[in-house]
Protein backbone atom coordinates (compact mmCIF):
# COMPACT_ATOMS: atom_id res chain seq x y z
CA MET A 1 92.90 92.97 79.27
CA PRO A 2 94.20 92.14 82.76
CA ARG A 3 91.72 92.39 85.60
CA ILE A 4 92.53 94.77 88.45
CA LYS A 5 91.66 93.53 91.89
CA PRO A 6 89.63 96.14 93.81
CA HIS A 7 91.52 97.64 96.73
CA PHE A 8 89.68 99.17 99.67
CA PHE A 9 92.56 101.52 100.47
CA SER A 10 93.16 102.70 96.90
CA GLY A 11 92.68 106.33 97.98
CA LEU A 12 95.37 106.00 100.63
CA ASP A 13 97.65 104.39 98.06
CA VAL A 14 97.32 107.41 95.81
CA PHE A 15 97.73 110.15 98.39
CA TRP A 16 99.87 108.63 101.14
CA GLY A 17 101.22 105.35 99.81
CA TRP A 18 100.22 103.69 103.11
CA GLY A 19 97.27 101.66 101.87
CA ALA A 20 99.05 98.30 101.80
CA PRO A 21 100.62 98.67 105.27
CA VAL A 22 97.31 99.77 106.79
CA GLU A 23 95.47 96.87 105.20
CA LEU A 24 98.16 94.48 106.42
CA VAL A 25 97.86 95.87 109.94
CA LEU A 26 94.10 95.42 109.97
CA GLU A 27 94.34 91.87 108.67
CA SER A 28 96.95 90.99 111.32
CA VAL A 29 94.99 92.52 114.19
CA VAL A 30 91.73 90.84 113.17
CA SER A 31 93.46 87.48 112.70
CA PHE A 32 94.58 87.12 116.34
CA SER A 33 91.57 88.87 117.91
CA PHE A 34 89.77 85.50 117.85
CA VAL A 35 91.16 84.79 121.34
CA LEU A 36 88.94 87.59 122.65
CA HIS A 37 85.94 85.41 121.81
CA MET A 38 86.96 83.12 124.67
CA LEU A 39 88.77 85.63 126.88
CA LEU A 40 85.73 87.88 127.30
CA PRO A 41 83.41 85.12 128.59
CA MET A 42 86.19 84.07 130.97
CA SER A 43 86.39 87.58 132.39
CA SER A 44 82.60 87.71 132.67
CA VAL A 45 82.29 84.49 134.68
CA CYS A 46 85.04 85.70 137.00
CA SER A 47 83.08 88.90 137.61
CA MET A 48 79.83 86.99 138.11
CA HIS A 49 81.42 84.68 140.66
CA LEU A 50 82.61 87.66 142.70
CA MET A 51 79.57 89.86 142.11
CA ARG A 52 77.61 88.87 145.20
CA THR A 53 80.72 88.87 147.37
CA LEU A 54 81.78 92.26 146.02
CA GLN A 55 78.75 93.73 147.77
CA HIS A 56 80.69 93.15 150.99
CA GLY A 57 83.65 95.16 149.71
CA ALA A 58 85.77 92.28 148.43
CA GLU A 59 88.02 92.36 145.39
CA PRO A 60 89.81 89.67 143.37
CA GLN A 61 93.15 88.61 144.76
CA ALA A 62 95.98 91.03 143.95
CA TRP A 63 97.85 88.38 141.98
CA ALA A 64 94.65 87.57 140.06
CA GLN A 65 94.41 91.21 139.02
CA HIS A 66 98.02 91.05 137.85
CA CYS A 67 97.11 88.00 135.76
CA MET A 68 94.29 89.96 134.14
CA TYR A 69 96.69 92.78 133.34
CA ALA A 70 99.23 90.28 131.96
CA ALA A 71 96.75 88.71 129.55
CA THR A 72 95.42 92.09 128.46
CA GLY A 73 98.90 93.58 128.14
CA ALA A 74 100.07 90.66 126.02
CA LEU A 75 97.25 91.25 123.55
CA CYS A 76 97.90 95.00 123.53
CA LEU A 77 101.63 94.50 122.92
CA THR A 78 100.91 92.11 120.06
CA THR A 79 98.59 94.72 118.56
CA VAL A 80 101.25 97.42 118.88
CA MET A 81 103.83 95.20 117.16
CA ALA A 82 101.37 94.44 114.37
CA ILE A 83 101.14 98.20 113.77
CA ILE A 84 104.81 99.14 114.17
CA VAL A 85 106.44 96.37 112.11
CA PRO A 86 104.77 96.98 108.73
CA CYS A 87 104.26 100.73 109.06
CA LEU A 88 107.46 101.96 110.74
CA LEU A 89 110.07 99.20 110.51
CA GLY A 90 109.38 98.11 106.96
CA GLY A 91 108.84 94.53 108.09
CA VAL A 92 106.16 92.02 107.28
CA SER A 93 103.48 90.58 109.56
CA LYS A 94 102.44 87.03 108.73
CA THR A 95 99.52 85.10 110.17
CA ASN A 96 99.74 81.35 110.58
CA PRO A 97 96.61 79.88 108.94
CA THR A 98 96.48 77.07 111.50
CA THR A 99 96.97 78.86 114.83
CA LYS A 100 96.13 82.45 113.76
CA GLU A 101 99.36 83.46 115.52
CA VAL A 102 100.95 86.63 114.17
CA THR A 103 104.70 86.51 113.43
CA PHE A 104 106.93 89.39 112.38
CA GLU A 105 109.80 89.44 109.88
CA VAL A 106 112.28 92.33 109.59
CA SER A 107 115.44 92.75 107.55
CA ASN A 108 117.63 93.54 110.58
CA GLN A 109 118.71 90.26 112.20
CA MET A 110 119.18 91.70 115.68
CA LEU A 111 115.79 93.39 115.49
CA GLY A 112 114.36 90.08 114.37
CA TYR A 113 115.62 88.41 117.54
CA VAL A 114 114.01 91.19 119.60
CA MET A 115 110.70 90.63 117.82
CA LEU A 116 110.97 86.89 118.39
CA ALA A 117 111.59 87.44 122.11
CA LEU A 118 108.62 89.80 122.34
CA ARG A 119 106.46 87.29 120.50
CA PHE A 120 107.16 84.53 123.02
CA LEU A 121 106.90 86.97 125.91
CA CYS A 122 103.41 87.90 124.75
CA MET A 123 102.42 84.25 124.35
CA LEU A 124 103.75 83.38 127.81
CA GLY A 125 102.09 86.38 129.43
CA PHE A 126 98.75 85.67 127.82
CA TYR A 127 98.53 81.98 128.71
CA ALA A 128 99.95 82.52 132.20
CA GLY A 129 97.39 85.27 132.76
CA VAL A 130 94.50 83.08 131.62
CA ALA A 131 95.67 80.19 133.81
CA GLY A 132 95.97 82.53 136.79
CA VAL A 133 92.46 83.91 136.33
CA ILE A 134 91.02 80.39 136.17
CA TYR A 135 92.86 79.36 139.34
CA SER A 136 91.73 82.53 141.14
CA ILE A 137 88.07 81.65 140.57
CA PHE A 138 88.37 78.36 142.43
CA SER A 139 90.75 79.58 145.15
CA PHE A 140 88.88 82.78 146.07
CA GLN A 141 87.91 83.14 149.74
CA ALA A 142 85.48 85.77 150.94
CA PRO A 143 87.08 88.21 153.44
CA ASN A 144 85.88 89.41 156.85
CA GLY A 145 84.32 86.08 157.77
CA ASN A 146 81.72 86.22 154.99
CA PRO A 147 80.72 82.84 153.53
CA THR A 148 82.46 81.90 150.31
CA LEU A 149 79.88 81.08 147.67
CA PRO A 150 80.38 77.85 145.71
CA VAL A 151 81.43 78.11 142.10
CA SER A 152 78.31 78.03 139.92
CA GLN A 153 77.57 75.44 137.26
CA THR A 154 77.86 78.13 134.60
CA VAL A 155 81.40 78.95 135.67
CA HIS A 156 82.34 75.27 135.62
CA CYS A 157 81.07 74.91 132.06
CA VAL A 158 82.73 78.08 130.76
CA VAL A 159 86.05 77.17 132.37
CA THR A 160 85.90 73.70 130.80
CA LEU A 161 85.26 75.22 127.38
CA ALA A 162 88.07 77.75 127.86
CA ILE A 163 90.58 75.05 128.81
CA GLN A 164 89.72 73.09 125.66
CA PHE A 165 89.98 76.21 123.51
CA PHE A 166 93.30 77.51 124.80
CA PHE A 167 94.90 74.07 125.13
CA ILE A 168 94.44 73.34 121.43
CA TYR A 169 95.97 76.61 120.24
CA ALA A 170 98.80 76.46 122.76
CA ALA A 171 99.68 72.93 121.59
CA LEU A 172 99.56 74.01 117.94
CA ILE A 173 101.79 77.02 118.61
CA VAL A 174 104.35 74.82 120.40
CA CYS A 175 104.33 72.25 117.57
CA LEU A 176 104.72 74.83 114.83
CA THR A 177 107.40 76.69 116.78
CA VAL A 178 109.41 73.47 117.03
CA SER A 179 109.07 73.03 113.28
CA GLU A 180 110.06 76.65 112.70
CA VAL A 181 113.12 76.51 114.95
CA SER A 182 114.25 73.25 113.33
CA GLU A 183 113.86 74.93 109.91
CA GLY A 184 111.46 72.26 108.72
CA GLN A 185 113.66 69.31 109.65
CA ILE A 186 110.89 68.00 111.91
CA PRO A 187 107.92 67.16 109.62
CA LEU A 188 104.91 67.68 111.85
CA GLU A 189 102.52 65.93 109.49
CA THR A 190 104.28 62.64 110.17
CA TYR A 191 103.58 62.75 113.91
CA ARG A 192 100.34 61.37 115.29
CA PHE A 193 100.20 63.94 118.10
CA TYR A 194 100.11 66.83 115.65
CA SER A 195 97.45 65.09 113.55
CA ALA A 196 95.38 64.50 116.67
CA ILE A 197 95.66 68.16 117.71
CA GLU A 198 94.71 69.26 114.19
CA ALA A 199 91.64 67.02 114.28
CA ALA A 200 90.64 68.15 117.78
CA LYS A 201 90.89 71.79 116.66
CA SER A 202 87.83 71.32 114.49
CA THR A 203 85.69 70.57 117.57
CA ILE A 204 86.24 73.89 119.39
CA PRO A 205 84.55 76.56 117.20
CA PHE A 206 81.43 75.91 119.29
CA ALA A 207 83.23 76.78 122.54
CA PRO A 208 83.11 80.62 122.39
CA MET A 209 79.46 80.73 121.35
CA LEU A 210 78.47 78.22 124.02
CA ALA A 211 80.34 80.25 126.63
CA ILE A 212 78.59 83.47 125.58
CA LEU A 213 75.19 81.75 125.68
CA PHE A 214 75.86 80.37 129.17
CA VAL A 215 77.13 83.72 130.47
CA THR A 216 74.11 85.52 129.04
CA THR A 217 71.72 83.09 130.72
CA ARG A 218 73.50 83.37 134.06
CA MET A 219 73.65 87.18 133.93
CA TYR A 220 69.94 87.40 133.13
CA ALA A 221 69.14 85.17 136.11
CA LEU A 222 71.19 87.46 138.37
CA LEU A 223 69.55 90.55 136.87
CA ILE A 224 65.95 89.54 137.56
CA THR A 225 66.72 88.23 141.08
CA ASP A 226 68.90 91.08 142.39
CA ASN A 227 72.07 88.93 142.17
CA LYS A 228 70.56 86.15 144.27
CA GLY A 229 69.27 83.60 141.78
CA ALA A 230 70.54 81.17 139.15
CA PRO A 231 69.19 79.58 135.97
CA GLN A 232 66.60 76.85 136.37
CA GLY A 233 67.98 73.46 137.35
CA TRP A 234 67.10 71.86 134.02
CA VAL A 235 68.85 74.71 132.20
CA GLN A 236 72.01 74.10 134.22
CA ASP A 237 71.81 70.41 133.33
CA ALA A 238 71.52 71.40 129.66
CA MET A 239 74.69 73.49 130.02
CA TYR A 240 76.53 70.48 131.36
CA MET A 241 75.09 68.32 128.59
CA SER A 242 76.40 70.59 125.82
CA THR A 243 79.76 71.08 127.51
CA TRP A 244 80.33 67.39 128.10
CA SER A 245 79.31 66.44 124.56
CA LEU A 246 81.90 68.85 123.20
CA LEU A 247 84.50 67.57 125.68
CA ILE A 248 83.86 63.94 124.74
CA SER A 249 84.22 64.75 121.04
CA PHE A 250 87.42 66.63 121.84
CA ILE A 251 88.90 63.71 123.79
CA THR A 252 87.76 61.22 121.15
CA CYS A 253 89.64 63.15 118.47
CA LEU A 254 92.81 63.20 120.57
CA VAL A 255 92.68 59.52 121.50
CA ALA A 256 91.74 58.37 118.00
CA GLY A 257 94.48 60.53 116.52
CA MET A 258 97.08 58.94 118.78
CA LEU A 259 95.90 55.43 117.93
CA MET A 260 95.17 55.78 114.22
CA ASP A 261 97.00 57.02 111.18
CA ASN A 262 94.23 59.35 110.01
CA VAL A 263 91.42 61.12 111.84
CA GLU A 264 88.58 62.67 109.85
CA THR A 265 85.96 65.22 110.89
CA ASP A 266 82.83 66.44 109.16
CA GLU A 267 81.89 70.08 108.52
CA ASP A 268 80.51 70.46 112.04
CA GLY A 269 83.70 69.19 113.63
CA ARG A 270 82.24 65.87 114.72
CA VAL A 271 84.59 62.93 114.76
CA ILE A 272 84.57 60.50 111.82
CA ASN A 273 86.75 57.48 112.42
CA LYS A 274 87.18 54.45 110.20
CA PHE A 275 88.30 51.28 111.94
CA GLU A 276 89.16 47.93 110.49
CA HIS A 277 86.85 46.21 112.98
CA GLY A 278 83.23 46.78 111.99
CA TYR A 279 81.83 46.81 115.53
CA ILE A 280 84.24 49.55 116.61
CA ASP A 281 83.29 51.61 113.56
CA ILE A 282 79.59 51.27 114.41
CA GLY A 283 80.27 52.24 118.02
CA MET A 284 82.17 55.38 117.00
CA ASN A 285 79.37 56.44 114.65
CA VAL A 286 76.79 55.94 117.41
CA LEU A 287 78.95 58.02 119.77
CA ARG A 288 79.34 60.71 117.12
CA TYR A 289 75.60 61.17 116.55
CA LEU A 290 74.82 60.89 120.24
CA MET A 291 77.23 63.72 121.03
CA MET A 292 75.75 65.81 118.23
CA LEU A 293 72.26 65.23 119.62
CA LEU A 294 73.34 66.17 123.14
CA LEU A 295 75.15 69.29 121.93
CA TYR A 296 72.28 70.75 119.93
CA GLY A 297 69.68 69.53 122.41
CA GLY A 298 71.52 71.32 125.20
CA ILE A 299 71.81 74.52 123.18
CA ILE A 300 68.10 74.57 122.36
CA THR A 301 67.17 73.83 125.98
CA VAL A 302 69.31 76.70 127.32
CA ILE A 303 67.79 79.13 124.80
CA VAL A 304 64.26 78.07 125.74
CA GLY A 305 65.11 78.36 129.43
CA LEU A 306 66.43 81.88 128.91
CA PHE A 307 63.16 83.10 127.40
CA VAL A 308 60.82 81.39 129.89
CA MET A 309 62.87 82.35 132.97
CA THR A 310 61.10 84.38 135.65
CA PRO A 311 62.22 85.62 139.09
CA GLU A 312 60.22 82.80 140.65
CA THR A 313 61.81 80.03 138.56
CA ALA A 314 65.35 81.45 138.59
CA SER A 315 66.18 79.75 141.88
CA GLY A 316 68.78 77.28 140.57
CA THR A 317 67.07 74.34 142.27
CA GLY A 318 66.23 71.01 140.69
CA SER A 319 69.53 70.37 138.91
CA VAL A 320 70.30 66.68 138.62
CA VAL A 321 74.03 67.28 138.30
CA ALA A 322 74.09 69.56 141.35
CA SER A 323 72.15 66.97 143.37
CA VAL A 324 74.64 64.25 142.45
CA ASN A 325 77.58 66.50 143.38
CA ASN A 326 76.00 67.36 146.73
CA ALA A 327 75.32 63.71 147.44
CA ARG A 328 78.95 62.84 146.75
CA LYS A 329 80.11 65.48 149.23
């Protein structure tokens, strides 16, 4: 007897016949909502950077606000298309398993070109908006003669993680779009750049969670000090330690992928390279475990610092990295 796969929307199938389209819509929307995991921390650090200056009546630059609207509007438009295409136009929404990008297929060729144009418009608007928000953080100047506060260590770390995160998916989308436009005549798997990007992609699942942890720690420090404090210096150093370990693993994947035929990663996304020269192989393994130790050590240190933080200790002083940066200036 054939087995029947359970269907969550079986009731809708019976009464309305819309179960499959609704399920397809939900799957499509959830598939590309992963970018919110990094977009939300980015918005939070932008607000935190301006929070103390906002007390003087300042606002983000007008063009920075337009960038925020562009990124948000791009996501909203993609969501609307994911609803309209399967439910009203009789088309199909497909999600790329590699980039999580949603594409739309309709029977009408002209309508297909419109959907393709909207797809790239959304992608351009989103990435341009994110880039604009990042630039606005570092170019902001306090009005009315008020001193412009320096960008905090937390913001630096979150921005670094965001650049890694969005760079990987933007590069993958470009590569797969080239393959799609060429109708498969350009085999991506034969190019070292694509293999390097694929390998580096496995290092960034930590980025959103690290960003959220850093933002939480920074917001708590502001909360208990009336927007005047910062995490302890050793906690800020731990943020840098985790961020840099992830960045080094990311760069190692890219460089190794460009220089070698195959790049391997373990389940945690750490780089596993096999070289013909034994000493190089040993060096890469040492680097791999060192980065893993720094990553998890930094995460644990930030969590401990969050729970032992008090208004007296949340002064932001004592950071080794901040001292080095000040000395260089």
